[in-house]
PDB file of N, CA and C in Angstrom:
ATOM      1  N   MET A   1      18.219  21.162  37.886  1.00  0.00           N
ATOM      2  CA  MET A   1      18.190  21.922  36.971  1.00  0.00           C
ATOM      3  C   MET A   1      18.246  21.340  35.340  1.00  0.00           C
ATOM      4  N   ASN A   2      19.457  20.940  35.821  1.00  0.00           N
ATOM      5  CA  ASN A   2      20.169  20.242  34.869  1.00  0.00           C
ATOM      6  C   ASN A   2      19.176  18.721  34.124  1.00  0.00           C
ATOM      7  N   LYS A   3      18.431  18.445  35.467  1.00  0.00           N
ATOM      8  CA  LYS A   3      17.025  17.026  34.943  1.00  0.00           C
ATOM      9  C   LYS A   3      15.946  17.848  34.224  1.00  0.00           C
ATOM     10  N   SER A   4      15.660  18.999  34.200  1.00  0.00           N
ATOM     11  CA  SER A   4      14.754  19.603  34.358  1.00  0.00           C
ATOM     12  C   SER A   4      14.990  20.541  32.761  1.00  0.00           C
ATOM     13  N   LEU A   5      16.783  20.824  31.847  1.00  0.00           N
ATOM     14  CA  LEU A   5      16.762  21.534  31.008  1.00  0.00           C
ATOM     15  C   LEU A   5      16.799  19.424  30.426  1.00  0.00           C
ATOM     16  N   ALA A   6      16.990  18.613  30.615  1.00  0.00           N
ATOM     17  CA  ALA A   6      17.236  17.679  30.143  1.00  0.00           C
ATOM     18  C   ALA A   6      15.516  17.303  29.746  1.00  0.00           C
ATOM     19  N   ALA A   7      14.486  17.280  30.353  1.00  0.00           N
ATOM     20  CA  ALA A   7      13.397  16.845  29.995  1.00  0.00           C
ATOM     21  C   ALA A   7      12.796  17.391  28.950  1.00  0.00           C
ATOM     22  N   ILE A   8      12.726  18.832  29.275  1.00  0.00           N
ATOM     23  CA  ILE A   8      12.627  19.398  28.230  1.00  0.00           C
ATOM     24  C   ILE A   8      13.172  19.408  26.443  1.00  0.00           C
ATOM     25  N   SER A   9      14.599  19.152  26.726  1.00  0.00           N
ATOM     26  CA  SER A   9      14.756  18.812  25.725  1.00  0.00           C
ATOM     27  C   SER A   9      14.496  17.421  24.536  1.00  0.00           C
ATOM     28  N   LEU A  10      14.472  16.413  26.213  1.00  0.00           N
ATOM     29  CA  LEU A  10      13.927  15.101  25.143  1.00  0.00           C
ATOM     30  C   LEU A  10      12.303  15.577  25.017  1.00  0.00           C
ATOM     31  N   ALA A  11      11.573  15.999  25.530  1.00  0.00           N
ATOM     32  CA  ALA A  11       9.997  16.262  24.453  1.00  0.00           C
ATOM     33  C   ALA A  11       9.970  17.100  23.507  1.00  0.00           C
ATOM     34  N   LEU A  12      11.165  17.814  23.536  1.00  0.00           N
ATOM     35  CA  LEU A  12      10.893  18.763  22.189  1.00  0.00           C
ATOM     36  C   LEU A  12      11.582  17.808  21.729  1.00  0.00           C
ATOM     37  N   SER A  13      12.409  17.141  21.433  1.00  0.00           N
ATOM     38  CA  SER A  13      12.946  15.829  20.396  1.00  0.00           C
ATOM     39  C   SER A  13      11.859  14.791  20.090  1.00  0.00           C
ATOM     40  N   LEU A  14      11.071  14.476  21.176  1.00  0.00           N
ATOM     41  CA  LEU A  14      10.268  13.316  20.989  1.00  0.00           C
ATOM     42  C   LEU A  14       8.715  13.822  19.658  1.00  0.00           C
ATOM     43  N   ALA A  15       8.566  15.497  20.350  1.00  0.00           N
ATOM     44  CA  ALA A  15       7.600  16.001  19.698  1.00  0.00           C
ATOM     45  C   ALA A  15       8.116  16.242  18.131  1.00  0.00           C
ATOM     46  N   ALA A  16       9.541  16.609  17.719  1.00  0.00           N
ATOM     47  CA  ALA A  16       9.791  17.367  16.431  1.00  0.00           C
ATOM     48  C   ALA A  16       9.922  15.923  15.555  1.00  0.00           C
ATOM     49  N   GLY A  17      10.018  14.535  15.946  1.00  0.00           N
ATOM     50  CA  GLY A  17      10.102  13.239  15.715  1.00  0.00           C
ATOM     51  C   GLY A  17       8.799  12.459  15.502  1.00  0.00           C
ATOM     52  N   ALA A  18       7.343  13.167  16.327  1.00  0.00           N
ATOM     53  CA  ALA A  18       6.693  12.929  16.054  1.00  0.00           C
ATOM     54  C   ALA A  18       6.080  13.644  14.451  1.00  0.00           C
ATOM     55  N   ALA A  19       6.046  15.152  14.952  1.00  0.00           N
ATOM     56  CA  ALA A  19       5.798  15.471  13.581  1.00  0.00           C
ATOM     57  C   ALA A  19       5.916  15.321  12.376  1.00  0.00           C
ATOM     58  N   HIS A  20       7.280  15.032  12.489  1.00  0.00           N
ATOM     59  CA  HIS A  20       8.178  14.278  10.786  1.00  0.00           C
ATOM     60  C   HIS A  20       7.845  12.801  10.448  1.00  0.00           C
ATOM     61  N   ALA A  21       7.322  11.960  11.348  1.00  0.00           N
ATOM     62  CA  ALA A  21       6.320  10.506  11.412  1.00  0.00           C
ATOM     63  C   ALA A  21       5.027  10.960  10.306  1.00  0.00           C
ATOM     64  N   GLN A  22       4.306  12.405  11.312  1.00  0.00           N
ATOM     65  CA  GLN A  22       2.662  12.364  10.456  1.00  0.00           C
ATOM     66  C   GLN A  22       3.638  13.147   8.962  1.00  0.00           C
ATOM     67  N   GLY A  23       4.250  13.654   8.693  1.00  0.00           N
ATOM     68  CA  GLY A  23       5.050  13.932   7.217  1.00  0.00           C
ATOM     69  C   GLY A  23       4.858  12.713   6.076  1.00  0.00           C
ATOM     70  N   THR A  24       5.291  11.538   7.259  1.00  0.00           N
ATOM     71  CA  THR A  24       5.811  10.584   6.284  1.00  0.00           C
ATOM     72  C   THR A  24       5.595   9.322   6.028  1.00  0.00           C
ATOM     73  N   THR A  25       5.592   9.169   4.589  1.00  0.00           N
ATOM     74  CA  THR A  25       4.407   7.925   4.705  1.00  0.00           C
ATOM     75  C   THR A  25       5.791   6.248   4.318  1.00  0.00           C
ATOM     76  N   VAL A  26       4.963   5.615   5.426  1.00  0.00           N
ATOM     77  CA  VAL A  26       5.709   4.512   5.952  1.00  0.00           C
ATOM     78  C   VAL A  26       4.593   3.771   4.995  1.00  0.00           C
ATOM     79  N   THR A  27       5.494   2.219   4.163  1.00  0.00           N
ATOM     80  CA  THR A  27       4.901   1.244   3.376  1.00  0.00           C
ATOM     81  C   THR A  27       5.414  -0.218   3.378  1.00  0.00           C
ATOM     82  N   THR A  28       4.801  -1.217   4.370  1.00  0.00           N
ATOM     83  CA  THR A  28       5.401  -1.633   4.066  1.00  0.00           C
ATOM     84  C   THR A  28       4.379  -2.710   3.011  1.00  0.00           C
ATOM     85  N   GLY A  29       5.367  -2.973   2.246  1.00  0.00           N
ATOM     86  CA  GLY A  29       4.875  -3.309   1.007  1.00  0.00           C
ATOM     87  C   GLY A  29       5.059  -2.211  -0.781  1.00  0.00           C
ATOM     88  N   ALA A  30       4.760  -3.637  -1.494  1.00  0.00           N
ATOM     89  CA  ALA A  30       4.772  -2.342  -2.591  1.00  0.00           C
ATOM     90  C   ALA A  30       3.071  -1.879  -2.333  1.00  0.00           C
ATOM     91  N   ALA A  31       3.383  -0.487  -2.910  1.00  0.00           N
ATOM     92  CA  ALA A  31       1.951  -0.003  -2.992  1.00  0.00           C
ATOM     93  C   ALA A  31       1.368  -0.451  -3.997  1.00  0.00           C
ATOM     94  N   PRO A  32      -0.259  -0.709  -4.035  1.00  0.00           N
ATOM     95  CA  PRO A  32      -0.930  -1.269  -5.275  1.00  0.00           C
ATOM     96  C   PRO A  32      -0.669  -0.399  -6.725  1.00  0.00           C
ATOM     97  N   SER A  33      -0.529   0.776  -6.613  1.00  0.00           N
ATOM     98  CA  SER A  33      -0.738   2.046  -7.603  1.00  0.00           C
ATOM     99  C   SER A  33       1.496   1.972  -8.648  1.00  0.00           C
ATOM    100  N   ALA A  34       2.226   1.664  -7.331  1.00  0.00           N
ATOM    101  CA  ALA A  34       3.152   1.409  -7.745  1.00  0.00           C
ATOM    102  C   ALA A  34       3.861   0.075  -8.613  1.00  0.00           C
ATOM    103  N   THR A  35       3.057  -0.827  -8.505  1.00  0.00           N
ATOM    104  CA  THR A  35       3.648  -1.967  -9.456  1.00  0.00           C
ATOM    105  C   THR A  35       2.534  -1.991 -10.631  1.00  0.00           C
ATOM    106  N   VAL A  36       1.927  -0.691 -10.754  1.00  0.00           N
ATOM    107  CA  VAL A  36       1.271  -0.951 -12.406  1.00  0.00           C
ATOM    108  C   VAL A  36       1.513   0.335 -13.344  1.00  0.00           C
ATOM    109  N   VAL A  37       2.421  -0.068 -14.252  1.00  0.00           N
ATOM    110  CA  VAL A  37       2.549   0.638 -15.237  1.00  0.00           C
ATOM    111  C   VAL A  37       2.040   0.223 -16.530  1.00  0.00           C
ATOM    112  N   ILE A  38       1.192   2.032 -17.029  1.00  0.00           N
ATOM    113  CA  ILE A  38      -0.229   1.668 -18.061  1.00  0.00           C
ATOM    114  C   ILE A  38       1.333   2.282 -19.060  1.00  0.00           C
ATOM    115  N   GLU A  39       2.048   2.057 -19.695  1.00  0.00           N
ATOM    116  CA  GLU A  39       2.485   2.658 -20.955  1.00  0.00           C
ATOM    117  C   GLU A  39       1.109   4.093 -21.857  1.00  0.00           C
ATOM    118  N   PRO A  40       1.587   4.948 -22.060  1.00  0.00           N
ATOM    119  CA  PRO A  40       0.469   5.761 -22.687  1.00  0.00           C
ATOM    120  C   PRO A  40      -0.604   5.013 -24.129  1.00  0.00           C
ATOM    121  N   GLN A  41       0.432   4.948 -25.236  1.00  0.00           N
ATOM    122  CA  GLN A  41      -0.107   4.006 -25.738  1.00  0.00           C
ATOM    123  C   GLN A  41      -1.947   2.783 -25.665  1.00  0.00           C
ATOM    124  N   TYR A  42      -1.442   2.394 -24.503  1.00  0.00           N
ATOM    125  CA  TYR A  42      -2.254   1.271 -23.675  1.00  0.00           C
ATOM    126  C   TYR A  42      -4.162   2.360 -23.386  1.00  0.00           C
ATOM    127  N   ARG A  43      -3.178   3.318 -22.070  1.00  0.00           N
ATOM    128  CA  ARG A  43      -4.142   4.290 -21.545  1.00  0.00           C
ATOM    129  C   ARG A  43      -5.157   4.729 -22.536  1.00  0.00           C
ATOM    130  N   GLU A  44      -4.725   5.024 -23.800  1.00  0.00           N
ATOM    131  CA  GLU A  44      -5.437   5.683 -25.237  1.00  0.00           C
ATOM    132  C   GLU A  44      -6.128   4.734 -25.301  1.00  0.00           C
ATOM    133  N   HIS A  45      -5.960   3.205 -25.487  1.00  0.00           N
ATOM    134  CA  HIS A  45      -6.717   1.907 -26.170  1.00  0.00           C
ATOM    135  C   HIS A  45      -7.661   2.243 -25.041  1.00  0.00           C
ATOM    136  N   ILE A  46      -6.909   2.138 -23.397  1.00  0.00           N
ATOM    137  CA  ILE A  46      -7.834   1.449 -22.786  1.00  0.00           C
ATOM    138  C   ILE A  46      -9.415   2.607 -22.931  1.00  0.00           C
ATOM    139  N   ARG A  47      -9.058   3.969 -23.154  1.00  0.00           N
ATOM    140  CA  ARG A  47     -10.013   5.109 -23.230  1.00  0.00           C
ATOM    141  C   ARG A  47     -11.084   5.174 -24.751  1.00  0.00           C
ATOM    142  N   SER A  48     -10.165   4.026 -25.917  1.00  0.00           N
ATOM    143  CA  SER A  48     -11.085   3.396 -26.444  1.00  0.00           C
ATOM    144  C   SER A  48     -12.128   3.021 -26.566  1.00  0.00           C
ATOM    145  N   TYR A  49     -11.561   1.479 -26.409  1.00  0.00           N
ATOM    146  CA  TYR A  49     -11.993   0.580 -26.069  1.00  0.00           C
ATOM    147  C   TYR A  49     -13.447   0.669 -25.088  1.00  0.00           C
ATOM    148  N   ILE A  50     -13.426   1.513 -23.903  1.00  0.00           N
ATOM    149  CA  ILE A  50     -14.480   1.945 -23.356  1.00  0.00           C
ATOM    150  C   ILE A  50     -15.279   3.085 -24.411  1.00  0.00           C
ATOM    151  N   VAL A  51     -15.279   3.378 -25.043  1.00  0.00           N
ATOM    152  CA  VAL A  51     -16.072   3.970 -25.677  1.00  0.00           C
ATOM    153  C   VAL A  51     -16.740   3.271 -26.474  1.00  0.00           C
ATOM    154  N   GLU A  52     -15.833   1.931 -27.373  1.00  0.00           N
ATOM    155  CA  GLU A  52     -16.658   1.479 -28.667  1.00  0.00           C
ATOM    156  C   GLU A  52     -17.314   0.198 -27.274  1.00  0.00           C
ATOM    157  N   HIS A  53     -17.093   0.045 -26.498  1.00  0.00           N
ATOM    158  CA  HIS A  53     -17.865  -1.571 -25.470  1.00  0.00           C
ATOM    159  C   HIS A  53     -18.315  -0.309 -24.089  1.00  0.00           C
ATOM    160  N   PRO A  54     -19.135   0.537 -24.562  1.00  0.00           N
ATOM    161  CA  PRO A  54     -19.448   0.434 -22.791  1.00  0.00           C
ATOM    162  C   PRO A  54     -19.617  -0.208 -21.891  1.00  0.00           C
ATOM    163  N   ALA A  55     -19.274   0.040 -20.532  1.00  0.00           N
ATOM    164  CA  ALA A  55     -20.069  -0.517 -19.522  1.00  0.00           C
ATOM    165  C   ALA A  55     -20.938   0.098 -18.898  1.00  0.00           C
ATOM    166  N   PRO A  56     -22.146  -0.718 -17.798  1.00  0.00           N
ATOM    167  CA  PRO A  56     -23.346  -0.173 -17.461  1.00  0.00           C
ATOM    168  C   PRO A  56     -22.003   0.981 -16.167  1.00  0.00           C
ATOM    169  N   PRO A  57     -21.941   2.235 -16.000  1.00  0.00           N
ATOM    170  CA  PRO A  57     -21.582   2.697 -14.849  1.00  0.00           C
ATOM    171  C   PRO A  57     -21.914   1.822 -13.055  1.00  0.00           C
ATOM    172  N   VAL A  58     -20.303   2.124 -12.557  1.00  0.00           N
ATOM    173  CA  VAL A  58     -21.129   2.167 -11.164  1.00  0.00           C
ATOM    174  C   VAL A  58     -21.658   3.415 -10.551  1.00  0.00           C
ATOM    175  N   GLU A  59     -22.749   3.678  -9.584  1.00  0.00           N
ATOM    176  CA  GLU A  59     -22.671   3.844  -8.813  1.00  0.00           C
ATOM    177  C   GLU A  59     -21.945   4.328  -7.581  1.00  0.00           C
ATOM    178  N   MET A  60     -21.434   4.421  -6.895  1.00  0.00           N
ATOM    179  CA  MET A  60     -22.055   4.962  -5.632  1.00  0.00           C
ATOM    180  C   MET A  60     -21.776   5.455  -4.680  1.00  0.00           C
ATOM    181  N   ARG A  61     -21.917   5.648  -3.356  1.00  0.00           N
ATOM    182  CA  ARG A  61     -22.079   6.759  -2.614  1.00  0.00           C
ATOM    183  C   ARG A  61     -20.848   7.693  -2.127  1.00  0.00           C
ATOM    184  N   GLU A  62     -19.880   6.359  -1.831  1.00  0.00           N
ATOM    185  CA  GLU A  62     -18.693   7.708  -1.554  1.00  0.00           C
ATOM    186  C   GLU A  62     -17.758   7.311  -3.342  1.00  0.00           C
ATOM    187  N   ARG A  63     -16.745   8.488  -2.673  1.00  0.00           N
ATOM    188  CA  ARG A  63     -16.102   8.794  -4.274  1.00  0.00           C
ATOM    189  C   ARG A  63     -15.174   7.092  -3.556  1.00  0.00           C
ATOM    190  N   ILE A  64     -14.740   6.667  -5.535  1.00  0.00           N
ATOM    191  CA  ILE A  64     -13.223   6.011  -5.102  1.00  0.00           C
ATOM    192  C   ILE A  64     -12.409   6.187  -4.893  1.00  0.00           C
ATOM    193  N   VAL A  65     -11.870   5.899  -4.549  1.00  0.00           N
ATOM    194  CA  VAL A  65      -9.854   6.115  -4.988  1.00  0.00           C
ATOM    195  C   VAL A  65      -8.875   4.683  -4.613  1.00  0.00           C
ATOM    196  N   VAL A  66      -8.088   4.678  -4.662  1.00  0.00           N
ATOM    197  CA  VAL A  66      -7.380   3.737  -5.106  1.00  0.00           C
ATOM    198  C   VAL A  66      -7.131   3.294  -3.296  1.00  0.00           C
ATOM    199  N   GLY A  67      -7.326   2.267  -2.967  1.00  0.00           N
ATOM    200  CA  GLY A  67      -6.403   1.390  -1.937  1.00  0.00           C
ATOM    201  C   GLY A  67      -8.203   1.331  -1.319  1.00  0.00           C
ATOM    202  N   ALA A  68      -9.144   1.839  -1.590  1.00  0.00           N
ATOM    203  CA  ALA A  68     -10.762   1.200  -1.735  1.00  0.00           C
ATOM    204  C   ALA A  68     -10.758   0.168  -1.742  1.00  0.00           C
ATOM    205  N   THR A  69     -11.528  -0.389  -0.811  1.00  0.00           N
ATOM    206  CA  THR A  69     -12.557  -2.097  -0.869  1.00  0.00           C
ATOM    207  C   THR A  69     -13.712  -1.406  -1.635  1.00  0.00           C
ATOM    208  N   LEU A  70     -14.036  -2.750  -3.289  1.00  0.00           N
ATOM    209  CA  LEU A  70     -15.114  -1.657  -3.918  1.00  0.00           C
ATOM    210  C   LEU A  70     -16.668  -2.959  -3.268  1.00  0.00           C
ATOM    211  N   PRO A  71     -17.303  -2.817  -3.489  1.00  0.00           N
ATOM    212  CA  PRO A  71     -18.290  -3.894  -2.112  1.00  0.00           C
ATOM    213  C   PRO A  71     -18.582  -5.353  -3.358  1.00  0.00           C
ATOM    214  N   ASP A  72     -19.070  -6.295  -2.776  1.00  0.00           N
ATOM    215  CA  ASP A  72     -19.448  -7.740  -2.874  1.00  0.00           C
ATOM    216  C   ASP A  72     -20.498  -7.153  -4.313  1.00  0.00           C
ATOM    217  N   ASP A  73     -21.271  -6.811  -4.355  1.00  0.00           N
ATOM    218  CA  ASP A  73     -22.066  -6.129  -5.539  1.00  0.00           C
ATOM    219  C   ASP A  73     -21.485  -5.599  -6.723  1.00  0.00           C
ATOM    220  N   VAL A  74     -20.575  -5.248  -6.619  1.00  0.00           N
ATOM    221  CA  VAL A  74     -19.918  -4.413  -7.944  1.00  0.00           C
ATOM    222  C   VAL A  74     -19.262  -5.381  -8.796  1.00  0.00           C
ATOM    223  N   GLU A  75     -20.085  -5.941  -9.902  1.00  0.00           N
ATOM    224  CA  GLU A  75     -19.942  -6.556 -10.984  1.00  0.00           C
ATOM    225  C   GLU A  75     -18.316  -6.056 -11.235  1.00  0.00           C
ATOM    226  N   LEU A  76     -17.136  -7.043 -11.268  1.00  0.00           N
ATOM    227  CA  LEU A  76     -15.947  -6.387 -12.074  1.00  0.00           C
ATOM    228  C   LEU A  76     -15.527  -7.274 -13.166  1.00  0.00           C
ATOM    229  N   ARG A  77     -15.767  -6.800 -14.433  1.00  0.00           N
ATOM    230  CA  ARG A  77     -15.206  -7.493 -15.475  1.00  0.00           C
ATOM    231  C   ARG A  77     -13.995  -7.871 -16.260  1.00  0.00           C
ATOM    232  N   ALA A  78     -13.999  -8.344 -16.557  1.00  0.00           N
ATOM    233  CA  ALA A  78     -12.420  -9.215 -16.933  1.00  0.00           C
ATOM    234  C   ALA A  78     -11.391  -7.812 -17.768  1.00  0.00           C
ATOM    235  N   VAL A  79     -10.388  -7.598 -17.598  1.00  0.00           N
ATOM    236  CA  VAL A  79      -9.283  -6.942 -18.718  1.00  0.00           C
ATOM    237  C   VAL A  79      -9.298  -7.403 -19.624  1.00  0.00           C
ATOM    238  N   PRO A  80      -9.530  -6.868 -20.818  1.00  0.00           N
ATOM    239  CA  PRO A  80      -8.917  -7.318 -22.172  1.00  0.00           C
ATOM    240  C   PRO A  80      -7.594  -7.253 -22.247  1.00  0.00           C
ATOM    241  N   SER A  81      -7.000  -8.435 -23.143  1.00  0.00           N
ATOM    242  CA  SER A  81      -5.100  -8.913 -23.404  1.00  0.00           C
ATOM    243  C   SER A  81      -4.563  -7.995 -24.069  1.00  0.00           C
ATOM    244  N   ASP A  82      -5.680  -6.773 -24.468  1.00  0.00           N
ATOM    245  CA  ASP A  82      -5.049  -6.127 -25.858  1.00  0.00           C
ATOM    246  C   ASP A  82      -4.427  -4.439 -24.839  1.00  0.00           C
ATOM    247  N   TRP A  83      -4.696  -4.099 -23.236  1.00  0.00           N
ATOM    248  CA  TRP A  83      -5.303  -3.537 -22.460  1.00  0.00           C
ATOM    249  C   TRP A  83      -3.621  -2.946 -22.337  1.00  0.00           C
ATOM    250  N   GLY A  84      -2.696  -3.976 -22.380  1.00  0.00           N
ATOM    251  CA  GLY A  84      -1.525  -3.998 -21.998  1.00  0.00           C
ATOM    252  C   GLY A  84      -1.078  -5.175 -20.822  1.00  0.00           C
ATOM    253  N   PRO A  85      -0.140  -5.933 -21.143  1.00  0.00           N
ATOM    254  CA  PRO A  85       0.715  -6.824 -20.558  1.00  0.00           C
ATOM    255  C   PRO A  85       0.543  -6.456 -18.507  1.00  0.00           C
ATOM    256  N   THR A  86       0.843  -5.558 -18.087  1.00  0.00           N
ATOM    257  CA  THR A  86       0.857  -5.372 -16.456  1.00  0.00           C
ATOM    258  C   THR A  86      -0.427  -5.376 -15.810  1.00  0.00           C
ATOM    259  N   VAL A  87      -1.607  -5.347 -17.134  1.00  0.00           N
ATOM    260  CA  VAL A  87      -2.808  -5.183 -16.637  1.00  0.00           C
ATOM    261  C   VAL A  87      -4.154  -6.186 -16.992  1.00  0.00           C
ATOM    262  N   THR A  88      -3.114  -6.752 -17.061  1.00  0.00           N
ATOM    263  CA  THR A  88      -4.574  -8.213 -17.777  1.00  0.00           C
ATOM    264  C   THR A  88      -5.084  -9.359 -16.348  1.00  0.00           C
ATOM    265  N   ARG A  89      -4.146  -9.427 -14.954  1.00  0.00           N
ATOM    266  CA  ARG A  89      -4.495  -9.852 -13.888  1.00  0.00           C
ATOM    267  C   ARG A  89      -5.524  -9.206 -12.801  1.00  0.00           C
ATOM    268  N   TYR A  90      -5.858  -8.244 -13.829  1.00  0.00           N
ATOM    269  CA  TYR A  90      -6.646  -7.094 -12.450  1.00  0.00           C
ATOM    270  C   TYR A  90      -8.144  -7.663 -13.707  1.00  0.00           C
ATOM    271  N   ARG A  91      -8.994  -6.657 -12.984  1.00  0.00           N
ATOM    272  CA  ARG A  91     -10.543  -6.860 -12.816  1.00  0.00           C
ATOM    273  C   ARG A  91     -10.566  -5.303 -13.407  1.00  0.00           C
ATOM    274  N   TYR A  92     -11.683  -4.272 -14.277  1.00  0.00           N
ATOM    275  CA  TYR A  92     -11.583  -3.182 -13.767  1.00  0.00           C
ATOM    276  C   TYR A  92     -13.546  -2.471 -14.425  1.00  0.00           C
ATOM    277  N   VAL A  93     -13.727  -1.802 -13.178  1.00  0.00           N
ATOM    278  CA  VAL A  93     -15.485  -1.049 -13.681  1.00  0.00           C
ATOM    279  C   VAL A  93     -15.005   0.551 -14.032  1.00  0.00           C
ATOM    280  N   TYR A  94     -16.250   0.672 -14.361  1.00  0.00           N
ATOM    281  CA  TYR A  94     -16.357   1.981 -15.350  1.00  0.00           C
ATOM    282  C   TYR A  94     -17.091   2.718 -13.687  1.00  0.00           C
ATOM    283  N   ALA A  95     -16.337   3.974 -13.868  1.00  0.00           N
ATOM    284  CA  ALA A  95     -17.343   4.534 -12.161  1.00  0.00           C
ATOM    285  C   ALA A  95     -16.808   5.985 -12.952  1.00  0.00           C
ATOM    286  N   ASN A  96     -17.491   6.883 -12.593  1.00  0.00           N
ATOM    287  CA  ASN A  96     -17.396   8.124 -12.696  1.00  0.00           C
ATOM    288  C   ASN A  96     -16.564   8.564 -13.979  1.00  0.00           C
ATOM    289  N   ASP A  97     -16.987   8.854 -14.625  1.00  0.00           N
ATOM    290  CA  ASP A  97     -16.350   8.407 -16.326  1.00  0.00           C
ATOM    291  C   ASP A  97     -15.009   7.861 -16.039  1.00  0.00           C
ATOM    292  N   HIS A  98     -14.081   7.089 -15.545  1.00  0.00           N
ATOM    293  CA  HIS A  98     -13.212   6.697 -15.348  1.00  0.00           C
ATOM    294  C   HIS A  98     -12.817   5.157 -15.558  1.00  0.00           C
ATOM    295  N   VAL A  99     -12.139   4.886 -15.972  1.00  0.00           N
ATOM    296  CA  VAL A  99     -11.652   2.822 -15.388  1.00  0.00           C
ATOM    297  C   VAL A  99     -11.397   2.860 -14.240  1.00  0.00           C
ATOM    298  N   VAL A 100     -11.970   2.054 -13.482  1.00  0.00           N
ATOM    299  CA  VAL A 100     -11.590   1.977 -11.783  1.00  0.00           C
ATOM    300  C   VAL A 100     -10.799   0.062 -12.049  1.00  0.00           C
ATOM    301  N   LEU A 101      -9.375  -0.247 -11.932  1.00  0.00           N
ATOM    302  CA  LEU A 101      -8.880  -1.007 -11.507  1.00  0.00           C
ATOM    303  C   LEU A 101      -8.609  -1.874 -10.325  1.00  0.00           C
ATOM    304  N   VAL A 102      -9.390  -2.984 -10.481  1.00  0.00           N
ATOM    305  CA  VAL A 102      -9.798  -3.058  -9.269  1.00  0.00           C
ATOM    306  C   VAL A 102      -8.708  -5.575  -8.887  1.00  0.00           C
ATOM    307  N   GLU A 103      -7.552  -5.207  -8.231  1.00  0.00           N
ATOM    308  CA  GLU A 103      -6.599  -6.325  -7.696  1.00  0.00           C
ATOM    309  C   GLU A 103      -8.523  -7.600  -7.189  1.00  0.00           C
ATOM    310  N   PRO A 104      -8.896  -8.550  -8.468  1.00  0.00           N
ATOM    311  CA  PRO A 104     -10.254  -9.292  -8.036  1.00  0.00           C
ATOM    312  C   PRO A 104      -9.769  -9.772  -6.346  1.00  0.00           C
ATOM    313  N   SER A 105      -8.836 -10.279  -6.018  1.00  0.00           N
ATOM    314  CA  SER A 105      -9.221 -11.238  -4.568  1.00  0.00           C
ATOM    315  C   SER A 105      -9.284 -11.027  -3.429  1.00  0.00           C
ATOM    316  N   THR A 106      -8.890  -9.462  -3.187  1.00  0.00           N
ATOM    317  CA  THR A 106      -9.645  -8.389  -2.512  1.00  0.00           C
ATOM    318  C   THR A 106     -10.759  -7.224  -3.190  1.00  0.00           C
ATOM    319  N   ARG A 107     -10.445  -7.444  -4.202  1.00  0.00           N
ATOM    320  CA  ARG A 107     -11.477  -5.701  -3.866  1.00  0.00           C
ATOM    321  C   ARG A 107     -10.548  -4.898  -4.584  1.00  0.00           C
ATOM    322  N   LYS A 108      -9.788  -4.824  -4.199  1.00  0.00           N
ATOM    323  CA  LYS A 108      -9.022  -3.156  -3.700  1.00  0.00           C
ATOM    324  C   LYS A 108      -8.325  -2.568  -5.301  1.00  0.00           C
ATOM    325  N   VAL A 109      -9.384  -0.823  -5.294  1.00  0.00           N
ATOM    326  CA  VAL A 109      -8.603   0.265  -5.930  1.00  0.00           C
ATOM    327  C   VAL A 109      -7.174  -0.391  -6.055  1.00  0.00           C
ATOM    328  N   ILE A 110      -6.525  -0.106  -7.112  1.00  0.00           N
ATOM    329  CA  ILE A 110      -5.119  -0.695  -7.132  1.00  0.00           C
ATOM    330  C   ILE A 110      -4.529   1.187  -8.470  1.00  0.00           C
ATOM    331  N   GLN A 111      -5.488   1.249  -9.441  1.00  0.00           N
ATOM    332  CA  GLN A 111      -5.284   1.971 -10.590  1.00  0.00           C
ATOM    333  C   GLN A 111      -6.707   2.676 -11.247  1.00  0.00           C
ATOM    334  N   ILE A 112      -6.635   4.313 -10.369  1.00  0.00           N
ATOM    335  CA  ILE A 112      -7.515   4.856 -11.538  1.00  0.00           C
ATOM    336  C   ILE A 112      -7.282   5.585 -12.411  1.00  0.00           C
ATOM    337  N   VAL A 113      -7.609   4.895 -13.741  1.00  0.00           N
ATOM    338  CA  VAL A 113      -7.397   5.506 -15.441  1.00  0.00           C
ATOM    339  C   VAL A 113      -8.336   6.391 -15.510  1.00  0.00           C
ATOM    340  N   GLU A 114      -6.987   7.922 -15.624  1.00  0.00           N
ATOM    341  CA  GLU A 114      -7.846   9.161 -16.413  1.00  0.00           C
ATOM    342  C   GLU A 114      -7.941   9.303 -17.723  1.00  0.00           C
TER     343      GLU A 114
END
């Protein structure tokens, strides 16, 4: 009887741990968007730049989200230096009325500027 009670207790503990793990985010390095901080004045400048220098919008079948990899045929544009020091190493595309910052070596989306 004690063995059955111990087994049930262990099973419940494991199930509770698994449920907790599903709600917990585990990161094996810095999250791409966590390292990019765009000051409010630069965000406004980015919006103004896009209005003054319209880029052809990228048409994608799938929704673009942080962490997604853009296809090789999507042209990445150089980020102007006046967008702020934290973003000049990235490239951008304009899609769905948003500026999408991309890590050029991996083509991963690191931030979507609203």
